Structures are given as structure tokens and as C-alpha cells.
């Protein structure tokens, strides 16, 4: 992993190389977490479920509220999915694409995100 700091900026750029199967598993896990949090929060019928999460974020001095965390997870998975699609598009024709370690029921669904 490479971490690049920009002088005079609070932002840093990270570069990391991951096995394609591991990257896909990570993306699928983040998508699942996003879906669960989004469902629980947007459902709104049981605030006792989401209030502990909101309390934890506030007490841990997280920069995120629960809605902001849900949005950030969505943005992160979108960026990771885009990076994976871009990387796979650069695989020369005729060369086998990397296998995934995702469970069989999730294989083949990557392009649907």
C-alpha cells in the first residue's frame, strides 16, 4: 500500500493492489453492509434498532452520521466497482480473466452493480 500526502492539504491518496477475487469479495461485503444499514435506517419503523448505531457514531467522535455513513459506503462501493471494471477492461483479449472467490450465488452478478 502506498500513501501519498499532498503538501498543505488534509487529503491523502492511497494506492493498494488487491487480488481480483479478494477485491470483488470486499466490494460485495460493502454492498451488503450498505444494503442492511440503508434498509434499517430508511425503514424507520423501529428507531430502537438504529439509535444505538447513531449513538455509537456520535460517542466515538466519528465524522459520520448514520445517513452520511450509508452514503459514504455507497460511494466507496461505486468507486471500487468502477476501479475493478476499469482494471478488468485492460486485460488483453484472449487472456483469462481472474477468478473470483465470491460464493457461487454471487458470481456473475458483478456487472449488475
N, C-alpha and C. Protein backbone atom coordinates (compact mmCIF):
# COMPACT_ATOMS: atom_id res chain seq x y z
N UNK A 1 0.85 -1.17 0.00
CA UNK A 1 0.00 0.00 0.00
C UNK A 1 0.89 1.23 0.00
N UNK A 2 0.52 2.17 -0.81
CA UNK A 2 1.24 3.43 -0.90
C UNK A 2 0.32 4.54 -0.42
N UNK A 3 0.82 5.41 0.42
CA UNK A 3 0.06 6.55 0.92
C UNK A 3 0.77 7.82 0.47
N UNK A 4 0.07 8.68 -0.23
CA UNK A 4 0.66 9.90 -0.76
C UNK A 4 -0.04 11.08 -0.11
N UNK A 5 0.72 11.95 0.55
CA UNK A 5 0.17 13.15 1.16
C UNK A 5 0.41 14.33 0.23
N UNK A 6 -0.58 15.19 0.12
CA UNK A 6 -0.44 16.39 -0.67
C UNK A 6 -0.04 17.53 0.27
N UNK A 7 1.09 18.20 0.00
CA UNK A 7 1.52 19.30 0.87
C UNK A 7 0.43 20.36 1.00
N UNK A 8 0.19 20.79 2.24
CA UNK A 8 -0.80 21.82 2.51
C UNK A 8 -2.24 21.35 2.40
N UNK A 9 -2.45 20.05 2.35
CA UNK A 9 -3.80 19.53 2.21
C UNK A 9 -4.06 18.48 3.29
N UNK A 10 -5.32 18.35 3.67
CA UNK A 10 -5.71 17.32 4.63
C UNK A 10 -5.98 16.00 3.93
N UNK A 11 -5.96 16.00 2.60
CA UNK A 11 -6.29 14.80 1.84
C UNK A 11 -5.05 13.98 1.53
N UNK A 12 -5.23 12.69 1.51
CA UNK A 12 -4.17 11.76 1.15
C UNK A 12 -4.71 10.80 0.10
N UNK A 13 -3.83 10.30 -0.72
CA UNK A 13 -4.20 9.34 -1.74
C UNK A 13 -3.57 8.01 -1.38
N UNK A 14 -4.36 6.96 -1.42
CA UNK A 14 -3.85 5.63 -1.13
C UNK A 14 -3.92 4.79 -2.39
N UNK A 15 -2.90 4.03 -2.61
CA UNK A 15 -2.87 3.09 -3.73
C UNK A 15 -2.61 1.72 -3.15
N UNK A 16 -3.45 0.76 -3.53
CA UNK A 16 -3.32 -0.58 -2.98
C UNK A 16 -3.59 -1.58 -4.10
N UNK A 17 -2.83 -2.64 -4.12
CA UNK A 17 -3.04 -3.70 -5.10
C UNK A 17 -3.71 -4.88 -4.41
N UNK A 18 -4.82 -5.35 -4.99
CA UNK A 18 -5.55 -6.47 -4.43
C UNK A 18 -5.77 -7.52 -5.50
N UNK A 19 -5.78 -8.76 -5.09
CA UNK A 19 -6.19 -9.86 -5.96
C UNK A 19 -7.62 -9.57 -6.40
N UNK A 20 -7.93 -9.83 -7.67
CA UNK A 20 -9.25 -9.51 -8.22
C UNK A 20 -10.37 -10.21 -7.45
N UNK A 21 -10.17 -11.46 -7.06
CA UNK A 21 -11.19 -12.18 -6.30
C UNK A 21 -11.41 -11.56 -4.94
N UNK A 22 -10.32 -11.16 -4.28
CA UNK A 22 -10.44 -10.53 -2.96
C UNK A 22 -11.12 -9.17 -3.10
N UNK A 23 -10.75 -8.42 -4.12
CA UNK A 23 -11.37 -7.11 -4.33
C UNK A 23 -12.87 -7.26 -4.55
N UNK A 24 -13.26 -8.24 -5.34
CA UNK A 24 -14.69 -8.47 -5.59
C UNK A 24 -15.40 -8.86 -4.29
N UNK A 25 -14.79 -9.74 -3.50
CA UNK A 25 -15.39 -10.13 -2.21
C UNK A 25 -15.57 -8.92 -1.31
N UNK A 26 -14.58 -8.04 -1.28
CA UNK A 26 -14.64 -6.84 -0.47
C UNK A 26 -15.78 -5.93 -0.94
N UNK A 27 -15.89 -5.77 -2.24
CA UNK A 27 -16.97 -4.94 -2.80
C UNK A 27 -18.33 -5.52 -2.44
N UNK A 28 -18.49 -6.84 -2.60
CA UNK A 28 -19.77 -7.47 -2.28
C UNK A 28 -20.11 -7.33 -0.80
N UNK A 29 -19.11 -7.45 0.07
CA UNK A 29 -19.34 -7.29 1.50
C UNK A 29 -19.80 -5.86 1.81
N UNK A 30 -19.13 -4.87 1.22
CA UNK A 30 -19.52 -3.49 1.46
C UNK A 30 -20.92 -3.19 0.93
N UNK A 31 -21.25 -3.78 -0.21
CA UNK A 31 -22.60 -3.61 -0.77
C UNK A 31 -23.64 -4.19 0.18
N UNK A 32 -23.34 -5.36 0.75
CA UNK A 32 -24.27 -5.98 1.70
C UNK A 32 -24.43 -5.13 2.96
N UNK A 33 -23.33 -4.62 3.50
CA UNK A 33 -23.40 -3.77 4.69
C UNK A 33 -24.21 -2.52 4.37
N UNK A 34 -23.96 -1.93 3.21
CA UNK A 34 -24.71 -0.74 2.80
C UNK A 34 -26.20 -1.05 2.72
N UNK A 35 -26.54 -2.17 2.11
CA UNK A 35 -27.96 -2.53 1.96
C UNK A 35 -28.63 -2.73 3.30
N UNK A 36 -27.95 -3.40 4.22
CA UNK A 36 -28.53 -3.65 5.55
C UNK A 36 -28.73 -2.34 6.30
N UNK A 37 -27.69 -1.50 6.34
CA UNK A 37 -27.81 -0.22 7.05
C UNK A 37 -28.89 0.66 6.41
N UNK A 38 -28.88 0.70 5.09
CA UNK A 38 -29.86 1.51 4.37
C UNK A 38 -31.28 1.03 4.67
N UNK A 39 -31.49 -0.27 4.65
CA UNK A 39 -32.82 -0.82 4.93
C UNK A 39 -33.26 -0.49 6.36
N UNK A 40 -32.36 -0.73 7.31
CA UNK A 40 -32.71 -0.48 8.70
C UNK A 40 -32.99 1.00 8.95
N UNK A 41 -32.19 1.86 8.35
CA UNK A 41 -32.36 3.29 8.59
C UNK A 41 -33.59 3.84 7.87
N UNK A 42 -33.74 3.47 6.61
CA UNK A 42 -34.85 4.01 5.83
C UNK A 42 -36.19 3.42 6.22
N UNK A 43 -36.17 2.19 6.74
CA UNK A 43 -37.42 1.58 7.17
C UNK A 43 -38.09 2.48 8.19
N UNK A 44 -37.33 2.96 9.18
CA UNK A 44 -37.81 3.93 10.15
C UNK A 44 -38.88 3.45 11.10
N UNK A 45 -39.33 2.22 10.96
CA UNK A 45 -40.42 1.75 11.82
C UNK A 45 -39.90 1.27 13.18
N UNK A 46 -38.59 1.06 13.28
CA UNK A 46 -38.02 0.58 14.54
C UNK A 46 -36.79 1.42 14.90
N UNK A 47 -37.00 2.65 15.35
CA UNK A 47 -35.86 3.52 15.65
C UNK A 47 -34.94 2.96 16.74
N UNK A 48 -35.45 2.01 17.54
CA UNK A 48 -34.60 1.41 18.58
C UNK A 48 -33.46 0.61 17.95
N UNK A 49 -33.59 0.22 16.70
CA UNK A 49 -32.53 -0.53 16.02
C UNK A 49 -31.41 0.40 15.58
N UNK A 50 -31.75 1.56 15.05
CA UNK A 50 -30.72 2.45 14.53
C UNK A 50 -30.19 3.45 15.56
N UNK A 51 -30.93 3.73 16.61
CA UNK A 51 -30.46 4.72 17.57
C UNK A 51 -29.15 4.31 18.25
N UNK A 52 -28.93 3.02 18.59
CA UNK A 52 -27.61 2.66 19.16
C UNK A 52 -26.46 2.92 18.17
N UNK A 53 -26.70 2.68 16.89
CA UNK A 53 -25.66 2.93 15.90
C UNK A 53 -25.38 4.43 15.81
N UNK A 54 -26.41 5.23 15.82
CA UNK A 54 -26.22 6.68 15.78
C UNK A 54 -25.51 7.17 17.04
N UNK A 55 -25.88 6.60 18.20
CA UNK A 55 -25.21 6.96 19.45
C UNK A 55 -23.72 6.59 19.40
N UNK A 56 -23.44 5.39 18.90
CA UNK A 56 -22.05 4.95 18.83
C UNK A 56 -21.23 5.87 17.93
N UNK A 57 -21.76 6.22 16.79
CA UNK A 57 -21.04 7.12 15.88
C UNK A 57 -20.76 8.46 16.56
N UNK A 58 -21.74 8.99 17.24
CA UNK A 58 -21.57 10.27 17.93
C UNK A 58 -20.56 10.16 19.06
N UNK A 59 -20.67 9.12 19.90
CA UNK A 59 -19.79 8.96 21.06
C UNK A 59 -18.35 8.62 20.66
N UNK A 60 -18.16 8.01 19.50
CA UNK A 60 -16.81 7.66 19.06
C UNK A 60 -16.16 8.81 18.29
N UNK A 61 -16.83 9.94 18.24
CA UNK A 61 -16.34 11.13 17.54
C UNK A 61 -16.17 10.88 16.05
N UNK A 62 -17.00 9.99 15.51
CA UNK A 62 -16.97 9.72 14.08
C UNK A 62 -17.39 10.97 13.33
N UNK A 63 -16.77 11.22 12.20
CA UNK A 63 -17.20 12.37 11.40
C UNK A 63 -18.52 12.08 10.67
N UNK A 64 -19.05 10.85 10.81
CA UNK A 64 -20.24 10.44 10.08
C UNK A 64 -21.47 10.37 10.98
N UNK A 65 -22.59 10.81 10.44
CA UNK A 65 -23.89 10.46 10.99
C UNK A 65 -24.26 9.16 10.30
N UNK A 66 -25.30 8.49 10.73
CA UNK A 66 -25.70 7.25 10.09
C UNK A 66 -26.08 7.45 8.62
N UNK A 67 -26.86 8.48 8.28
CA UNK A 67 -27.14 8.69 6.85
C UNK A 67 -25.88 8.98 6.04
N UNK A 68 -24.95 9.75 6.62
CA UNK A 68 -23.70 10.06 5.91
C UNK A 68 -22.84 8.81 5.73
N UNK A 69 -22.84 7.92 6.73
CA UNK A 69 -22.10 6.67 6.63
C UNK A 69 -22.69 5.79 5.53
N UNK A 70 -24.01 5.72 5.46
CA UNK A 70 -24.67 4.94 4.42
C UNK A 70 -24.30 5.49 3.05
N UNK A 71 -24.33 6.82 2.90
CA UNK A 71 -23.96 7.44 1.63
C UNK A 71 -22.49 7.18 1.30
N UNK A 72 -21.61 7.28 2.30
CA UNK A 72 -20.18 7.05 2.07
C UNK A 72 -19.90 5.61 1.65
N UNK A 73 -20.61 4.66 2.26
CA UNK A 73 -20.46 3.26 1.85
C UNK A 73 -20.90 3.07 0.40
N UNK A 74 -21.99 3.70 0.03
CA UNK A 74 -22.46 3.62 -1.35
C UNK A 74 -21.45 4.21 -2.32
N UNK A 75 -20.88 5.35 -1.96
CA UNK A 75 -19.88 5.98 -2.83
C UNK A 75 -18.62 5.12 -2.92
N UNK A 76 -18.19 4.56 -1.79
CA UNK A 76 -16.98 3.72 -1.79
C UNK A 76 -17.18 2.48 -2.66
N UNK A 77 -18.32 1.84 -2.56
CA UNK A 77 -18.55 0.65 -3.39
C UNK A 77 -18.66 1.02 -4.86
N UNK A 78 -19.25 2.17 -5.16
CA UNK A 78 -19.31 2.62 -6.55
C UNK A 78 -17.90 2.84 -7.12
N UNK A 79 -17.05 3.48 -6.34
CA UNK A 79 -15.68 3.74 -6.80
C UNK A 79 -14.88 2.45 -6.94
N UNK A 80 -15.01 1.56 -5.97
CA UNK A 80 -14.29 0.28 -6.06
C UNK A 80 -14.79 -0.55 -7.23
N UNK A 81 -16.09 -0.57 -7.44
CA UNK A 81 -16.65 -1.31 -8.58
C UNK A 81 -16.15 -0.73 -9.90
N UNK A 82 -16.12 0.58 -9.98
CA UNK A 82 -15.62 1.24 -11.18
C UNK A 82 -14.15 0.94 -11.42
N UNK A 83 -13.36 0.95 -10.35
CA UNK A 83 -11.93 0.65 -10.48
C UNK A 83 -11.73 -0.79 -10.94
N UNK A 84 -12.54 -1.71 -10.41
CA UNK A 84 -12.40 -3.10 -10.83
C UNK A 84 -12.80 -3.27 -12.29
N UNK A 85 -13.90 -2.64 -12.69
CA UNK A 85 -14.32 -2.73 -14.10
C UNK A 85 -13.24 -2.16 -15.01
N UNK A 86 -12.64 -1.05 -14.61
CA UNK A 86 -11.58 -0.43 -15.40
C UNK A 86 -10.36 -1.35 -15.50
N UNK A 87 -10.01 -1.97 -14.37
CA UNK A 87 -8.86 -2.88 -14.36
C UNK A 87 -9.12 -4.10 -15.23
N UNK A 88 -10.32 -4.66 -15.14
CA UNK A 88 -10.64 -5.84 -15.94
C UNK A 88 -10.74 -5.50 -17.43
N UNK A 89 -11.15 -4.29 -17.74
CA UNK A 89 -11.24 -3.88 -19.14
C UNK A 89 -9.85 -3.80 -19.78
N UNK A 90 -8.82 -3.64 -18.96
CA UNK A 90 -7.47 -3.52 -19.51
C UNK A 90 -6.80 -4.89 -19.69
N UNK A 91 -7.48 -5.97 -19.33
CA UNK A 91 -6.93 -7.31 -19.54
C UNK A 91 -6.97 -7.59 -21.04
N UNK A 92 -5.82 -7.92 -21.63
CA UNK A 92 -5.78 -8.16 -23.08
C UNK A 92 -6.73 -9.27 -23.51
N UNK A 93 -7.27 -9.11 -24.72
CA UNK A 93 -8.19 -10.11 -25.27
C UNK A 93 -7.48 -11.46 -25.37
N UNK A 94 -8.23 -12.50 -25.10
CA UNK A 94 -7.67 -13.85 -25.18
C UNK A 94 -7.02 -14.32 -23.89
N UNK A 95 -6.81 -13.42 -22.96
CA UNK A 95 -6.22 -13.78 -21.68
C UNK A 95 -7.33 -14.07 -20.69
N UNK A 96 -7.23 -15.15 -19.91
CA UNK A 96 -8.32 -15.44 -18.97
C UNK A 96 -8.43 -14.36 -17.90
N UNK A 97 -9.65 -14.04 -17.58
CA UNK A 97 -9.89 -13.06 -16.51
C UNK A 97 -9.71 -13.74 -15.16
N UNK A 98 -9.35 -12.96 -14.13
CA UNK A 98 -9.15 -13.55 -12.81
C UNK A 98 -10.43 -14.19 -12.27
N UNK A 99 -10.27 -15.29 -11.58
CA UNK A 99 -11.41 -15.97 -10.94
C UNK A 99 -11.78 -15.22 -9.68
N UNK A 100 -12.98 -15.41 -9.24
CA UNK A 100 -13.43 -14.79 -8.01
C UNK A 100 -13.54 -15.84 -6.92
N UNK A 101 -13.42 -15.38 -5.69
CA UNK A 101 -13.61 -16.27 -4.56
C UNK A 101 -14.98 -16.03 -3.93
N UNK A 102 -15.80 -15.25 -4.63
CA UNK A 102 -17.15 -14.97 -4.13
C UNK A 102 -17.97 -16.25 -4.13
N UNK A 103 -18.94 -16.34 -3.24
CA UNK A 103 -19.81 -17.52 -3.22
C UNK A 103 -20.48 -17.68 -4.58
N UNK A 104 -20.77 -18.93 -5.00
CA UNK A 104 -21.36 -19.18 -6.33
C UNK A 104 -22.61 -18.37 -6.61
N UNK A 105 -23.46 -18.15 -5.61
CA UNK A 105 -24.70 -17.42 -5.87
C UNK A 105 -24.44 -15.95 -6.21
N UNK A 106 -23.26 -15.44 -5.89
CA UNK A 106 -22.94 -14.04 -6.18
C UNK A 106 -22.13 -13.90 -7.46
N UNK A 107 -21.53 -14.99 -7.94
CA UNK A 107 -20.72 -14.92 -9.15
C UNK A 107 -21.60 -14.54 -10.33
N UNK A 108 -21.05 -13.75 -11.20
CA UNK A 108 -21.77 -13.35 -12.39
C UNK A 108 -22.68 -12.15 -12.16
N UNK A 109 -22.85 -11.73 -10.93
CA UNK A 109 -23.74 -10.59 -10.67
C UNK A 109 -22.97 -9.27 -10.62
N UNK A 110 -21.65 -9.34 -10.77
CA UNK A 110 -20.84 -8.14 -10.62
C UNK A 110 -21.24 -7.05 -11.59
N UNK A 111 -21.49 -7.40 -12.83
CA UNK A 111 -21.83 -6.40 -13.83
C UNK A 111 -23.16 -5.72 -13.58
N UNK A 112 -23.93 -6.19 -12.65
CA UNK A 112 -25.25 -5.63 -12.38
C UNK A 112 -25.19 -4.48 -11.39
N UNK A 113 -24.05 -4.18 -10.84
CA UNK A 113 -23.98 -3.13 -9.81
C UNK A 113 -23.97 -1.78 -10.43
